[in-house]
Amino acid sequence: MAADQGIAVVVGATGAMGAVITQTLAQRGLQVLAVARHADALQTLAHAVPGVLGCQADIGDDSAIAAIASALKPLPGPVRLVLQGAGVATAGGVLQASTAAVVDAVNIKVAGLMRLVRAADERLTAGSRLVAIGGHYGFEPTAYACTAGVANAALANLVRQLSWAYGPRGITAHLLAPGPADTERLHRVAAARAQRDGISLAAVLDQMKAESAIGAFTTPGQIAWAIQLLLAPEADALAGSTLFMDAGRRKGLP
């Protein structure tokens, strides 16, 4: 595995997916600045992954810009990667989800990416990557995952805008659309679907696996693998694009 130098800023680092990504990036030699809302979770992560530094900030609030920028100041080297991996609450289907939950999801996912990029802007250099984790439901809408669908669809648009805005500086933007990923959040989405359909959680999970061409969920390890691939110089060719990591669920073209 190639070694990297520089800094990776990971928002949502203490989640099930974020922790695996953080460990993968740290193993590549990057200095990881882990961003999350809760100090105790950051301490647990730093203890589990040597060398990780914590930054307590709420990416859903503009105060995160100054907090992240301040945490970056004493760290040497450029920011090679910023990753917006914050998740959003599961609020039910389009007929049940509150409008406030939808607005909150867009604020966390979309405005959160804007805050993250602005916090790191002065430390970005040619070859830096702006990466966001979206999801399958942003491209294959359903009636039971409203917040994820709306926020992730908007995130895809923002990534394209960032690609054009930062391209002249040699900085590329990328979206990963995994899913469903085998995490606790997946089980919450499945539970909402089970309640809607009046069936068991196990039955819903089996149905969701059957929606994959290979009968599988995406794993956090696979997502971490894709993120580290974006660090390669050859990944310039993926500027502004979406990497679909849905285990063969997507049917639409392109």
Protein backbone atom coordinates (compact mmCIF):
# COMPACT_ATOMS: atom_id res chain seq x y z
CA MET A 1 0.00 0.00 0.00
CA ALA A 2 1.39 3.39 -0.99
CA ALA A 3 2.15 5.88 1.77
CA ASP A 4 0.67 9.36 1.65
CA GLN A 5 1.65 12.61 3.28
CA GLY A 6 -0.60 15.44 4.30
CA ILE A 7 -3.90 15.78 6.10
CA ALA A 8 -7.29 14.14 5.71
CA VAL A 9 -10.26 15.85 7.35
CA VAL A 10 -13.04 13.36 8.00
CA VAL A 11 -16.50 14.53 9.07
CA GLY A 12 -18.58 11.79 10.62
CA ALA A 13 -15.42 9.96 11.67
CA THR A 14 -16.95 8.37 14.76
CA GLY A 15 -19.76 6.58 12.92
CA ALA A 16 -19.61 2.94 11.88
CA MET A 17 -18.49 3.85 8.37
CA GLY A 18 -16.36 6.83 9.36
CA ALA A 19 -14.29 4.85 11.85
CA VAL A 20 -13.28 2.32 9.19
CA ILE A 21 -12.43 5.11 6.75
CA THR A 22 -10.40 6.94 9.38
CA GLN A 23 -8.37 3.83 10.17
CA THR A 24 -7.73 3.17 6.47
CA LEU A 25 -6.50 6.71 5.83
CA ALA A 26 -4.31 6.71 8.94
CA GLN A 27 -2.72 3.45 7.82
CA ARG A 28 -1.77 5.15 4.55
CA GLY A 29 0.23 7.70 6.50
CA LEU A 30 -2.18 10.61 6.40
CA GLN A 31 -2.68 12.78 9.46
CA VAL A 32 -6.39 12.39 10.10
CA LEU A 33 -8.37 15.22 11.67
CA ALA A 34 -11.57 13.55 12.84
CA VAL A 35 -14.60 15.83 13.10
CA ALA A 36 -17.66 14.92 15.15
CA ARG A 37 -20.11 16.49 17.55
CA HIS A 38 -19.32 14.46 20.68
CA ALA A 39 -15.99 14.71 22.49
CA ASP A 40 -16.27 11.30 24.14
CA ALA A 41 -16.74 9.55 20.79
CA LEU A 42 -13.71 11.39 19.40
CA GLN A 43 -11.62 10.30 22.37
CA THR A 44 -12.66 6.69 21.85
CA LEU A 45 -11.71 6.87 18.17
CA ALA A 46 -8.35 8.51 18.90
CA HIS A 47 -7.57 5.77 21.40
CA ALA A 48 -8.45 3.07 18.87
CA VAL A 49 -6.56 4.64 15.95
CA PRO A 50 -3.15 6.02 16.96
CA GLY A 51 -2.28 9.43 15.58
CA VAL A 52 -5.84 10.58 14.94
CA LEU A 53 -6.62 14.09 16.18
CA GLY A 54 -10.13 15.09 17.18
CA CYS A 55 -12.07 18.25 16.37
CA GLN A 56 -15.38 18.72 18.14
CA ALA A 57 -17.70 20.58 15.78
CA ASP A 58 -21.27 20.46 14.51
CA ILE A 59 -21.10 20.37 10.71
CA GLY A 60 -24.75 21.46 10.69
CA ASP A 61 -23.78 24.89 12.00
CA ASP A 62 -21.61 27.63 10.48
CA SER A 63 -19.46 27.62 13.63
CA ALA A 64 -17.87 24.43 12.25
CA ILE A 65 -15.98 26.48 9.65
CA ALA A 66 -13.92 28.31 12.25
CA ALA A 67 -13.57 25.24 14.46
CA ILE A 68 -12.14 23.07 11.70
CA ALA A 69 -9.92 25.83 10.33
CA SER A 70 -8.52 26.44 13.80
CA ALA A 71 -7.82 22.73 14.33
CA LEU A 72 -5.94 22.62 11.02
CA LYS A 73 -3.64 25.58 11.77
CA PRO A 74 -0.96 23.75 13.80
CA LEU A 75 -0.86 20.73 11.48
CA PRO A 76 1.91 20.67 8.86
CA GLY A 77 1.38 19.94 5.20
CA PRO A 78 -1.49 20.36 2.75
CA VAL A 79 -4.99 18.98 3.12
CA ARG A 80 -5.01 16.08 0.68
CA LEU A 81 -8.60 15.01 1.33
CA VAL A 82 -11.74 16.38 2.89
CA LEU A 83 -14.53 13.86 3.42
CA GLN A 84 -18.12 14.71 4.22
CA GLY A 85 -19.39 11.49 5.75
CA ALA A 86 -22.01 12.80 8.14
CA GLY A 87 -25.23 10.82 8.24
CA VAL A 88 -28.77 12.10 8.60
CA ALA A 89 -31.66 10.97 10.75
CA THR A 90 -34.09 8.39 9.45
CA ALA A 91 -37.43 10.17 9.36
CA GLY A 92 -39.65 7.76 7.43
CA GLY A 93 -41.17 7.93 3.99
CA VAL A 94 -42.24 10.88 1.91
CA LEU A 95 -45.78 10.73 3.30
CA GLN A 96 -44.63 10.69 6.93
CA ALA A 97 -41.32 12.60 7.15
CA SER A 98 -41.61 16.09 8.57
CA THR A 99 -40.54 19.01 6.44
CA ALA A 100 -38.17 19.99 9.25
CA ALA A 101 -36.41 16.63 8.96
CA VAL A 102 -35.90 17.13 5.22
CA VAL A 103 -34.51 20.64 5.74
CA ASP A 104 -32.21 19.33 8.47
CA ALA A 105 -30.93 16.55 6.22
CA VAL A 106 -30.06 19.00 3.44
CA ASN A 107 -28.40 21.31 5.96
CA ILE A 108 -26.19 18.54 7.35
CA LYS A 109 -25.31 16.86 4.05
CA VAL A 110 -25.19 19.71 1.55
CA ALA A 111 -24.48 22.84 3.59
CA GLY A 112 -22.20 20.67 5.72
CA LEU A 113 -20.01 19.91 2.71
CA MET A 114 -19.86 23.61 1.89
CA ARG A 115 -18.76 24.39 5.46
CA LEU A 116 -16.11 21.68 5.37
CA VAL A 117 -14.62 22.85 2.08
CA ARG A 118 -14.57 26.47 3.20
CA ALA A 119 -12.81 25.53 6.43
CA ALA A 120 -10.04 23.75 4.53
CA ASP A 121 -9.85 26.02 1.49
CA GLU A 122 -6.56 27.75 2.35
CA ARG A 123 -4.85 24.40 2.90
CA LEU A 124 -6.00 22.74 -0.33
CA THR A 125 -3.49 22.26 -3.13
CA ALA A 126 -3.34 20.75 -6.61
CA GLY A 127 -4.29 17.11 -6.29
CA SER A 128 -6.47 17.59 -3.23
CA ARG A 129 -9.78 15.72 -3.19
CA LEU A 130 -13.19 16.97 -2.05
CA VAL A 131 -15.21 13.84 -1.34
CA ALA A 132 -18.76 13.31 -0.13
CA ILE A 133 -20.60 10.12 0.73
CA GLY A 134 -24.09 10.22 -0.69
CA GLY A 135 -26.17 7.14 -1.26
CA HIS A 136 -28.20 4.87 -3.47
CA TYR A 137 -31.50 6.56 -2.66
CA GLY A 138 -30.30 9.84 -4.13
CA PHE A 139 -30.39 8.20 -7.57
CA GLU A 140 -33.04 5.50 -7.10
CA PRO A 141 -35.83 7.28 -5.19
CA THR A 142 -38.18 5.26 -2.99
CA ALA A 143 -41.26 6.14 -1.00
CA TYR A 144 -39.68 5.11 2.33
CA ALA A 145 -36.33 6.96 2.52
CA CYS A 146 -37.26 10.61 2.09
CA THR A 147 -34.42 12.42 3.87
CA ALA A 148 -31.68 10.26 2.38
CA GLY A 149 -33.13 10.54 -1.11
CA VAL A 150 -33.59 14.30 -1.17
CA ALA A 151 -30.33 15.21 0.59
CA ASN A 152 -28.17 12.84 -1.45
CA ALA A 153 -29.66 14.01 -4.74
CA ALA A 154 -28.83 17.60 -3.80
CA LEU A 155 -25.34 16.51 -2.73
CA ALA A 156 -24.65 15.16 -6.23
CA ASN A 157 -25.44 18.57 -7.69
CA LEU A 158 -23.18 20.35 -5.21
CA VAL A 159 -20.26 18.03 -5.98
CA ARG A 160 -20.56 18.92 -9.66
CA GLN A 161 -20.57 22.62 -8.80
CA LEU A 162 -17.49 22.23 -6.60
CA SER A 163 -15.75 20.35 -9.39
CA TRP A 164 -16.12 23.32 -11.71
CA ALA A 165 -15.27 25.86 -9.01
CA TYR A 166 -12.07 24.13 -7.85
CA GLY A 167 -10.99 22.53 -11.12
CA PRO A 168 -8.82 25.49 -12.17
CA ARG A 169 -6.77 24.92 -9.00
CA GLY A 170 -6.22 21.25 -9.85
CA ILE A 171 -8.58 20.18 -7.06
CA THR A 172 -11.22 17.58 -7.83
CA ALA A 173 -14.59 16.78 -6.25
CA HIS A 174 -16.12 13.31 -6.03
CA LEU A 175 -19.29 11.64 -4.78
CA LEU A 176 -19.57 8.06 -3.56
CA ALA A 177 -23.03 6.53 -3.74
CA PRO A 178 -22.91 3.34 -1.71
CA GLY A 179 -25.72 1.35 -0.58
CA PRO A 180 -27.42 0.27 1.13
CA ALA A 181 -24.36 -0.02 3.37
CA ASP A 182 -24.39 -2.66 6.08
CA THR A 183 -24.49 -0.34 9.09
CA GLU A 184 -26.80 0.47 11.98
CA ARG A 185 -28.34 3.18 9.85
CA LEU A 186 -29.36 0.61 7.24
CA HIS A 187 -31.22 -1.29 9.90
CA ARG A 188 -33.10 1.88 10.89
CA VAL A 189 -34.17 2.44 7.28
CA ALA A 190 -35.21 -1.21 7.04
CA ALA A 191 -37.21 -0.89 10.25
CA ALA A 192 -39.14 2.05 8.80
CA ARG A 193 -39.87 0.02 5.68
CA ALA A 194 -40.96 -2.97 7.79
CA GLN A 195 -43.36 -0.77 9.74
CA ARG A 196 -44.78 0.67 6.54
CA ASP A 197 -45.34 -2.76 4.99
CA GLY A 198 -46.37 -4.56 8.16
CA ILE A 199 -43.68 -7.26 7.89
CA SER A 200 -40.66 -8.32 9.94
CA LEU A 201 -37.29 -6.60 9.90
CA ALA A 202 -35.63 -9.85 8.80
CA ALA A 203 -37.97 -10.08 5.83
CA VAL A 204 -37.14 -6.53 4.78
CA LEU A 205 -33.39 -7.17 5.02
CA ASP A 206 -33.80 -10.24 2.82
CA GLN A 207 -35.78 -8.17 0.31
CA MET A 208 -33.10 -5.48 0.29
CA LYS A 209 -30.36 -8.01 -0.34
CA ALA A 210 -32.40 -9.45 -3.21
CA GLU A 211 -32.43 -5.99 -4.81
CA SER A 212 -28.67 -6.40 -5.40
CA ALA A 213 -27.40 -8.25 -8.46
CA ILE A 214 -25.07 -10.20 -6.16
CA GLY A 215 -27.44 -10.41 -3.17
CA ALA A 216 -25.27 -8.29 -0.89
CA PHE A 217 -24.97 -5.03 0.97
CA THR A 218 -22.00 -2.68 0.54
CA THR A 219 -19.58 -2.77 3.47
CA PRO A 220 -17.75 0.11 5.19
CA GLY A 221 -14.46 -1.53 4.21
CA GLN A 222 -15.37 -1.38 0.55
CA ILE A 223 -16.22 2.30 0.85
CA ALA A 224 -12.90 3.01 2.58
CA TRP A 225 -11.13 1.16 -0.24
CA ALA A 226 -12.76 3.43 -2.84
CA ILE A 227 -11.88 6.61 -0.95
CA GLN A 228 -8.21 5.71 -0.81
CA LEU A 229 -8.26 5.05 -4.56
CA LEU A 230 -9.21 8.69 -5.07
CA LEU A 231 -5.86 9.73 -3.62
CA ALA A 232 -4.09 8.40 -6.72
CA PRO A 233 -3.09 10.99 -9.35
CA GLU A 234 -5.03 8.97 -11.94
CA ALA A 235 -8.25 9.80 -10.08
CA ASP A 236 -8.14 13.27 -11.68
CA ALA A 237 -10.11 11.67 -14.51
CA LEU A 238 -13.02 11.09 -12.10
CA ALA A 239 -13.49 14.80 -11.42
CA GLY A 240 -17.10 15.62 -10.61
CA SER A 241 -18.28 12.06 -11.05
CA THR A 242 -20.26 9.69 -8.87
CA LEU A 243 -18.86 6.28 -7.96
CA PHE A 244 -21.79 3.92 -7.64
CA MET A 245 -21.07 1.30 -4.99
CA ASP A 246 -24.49 -0.29 -4.78
CA ALA A 247 -23.63 -3.97 -5.36
CA GLY A 248 -25.56 -3.92 -8.63
CA ARG A 249 -28.80 -2.28 -7.47
CA ARG A 250 -29.00 0.59 -9.91
CA LYS A 251 -31.03 -0.17 -13.04
CA GLY A 252 -31.16 3.25 -14.66
CA LEU A 253 -28.84 4.45 -17.44
CA PRO A 254 -26.47 6.20 -17.07
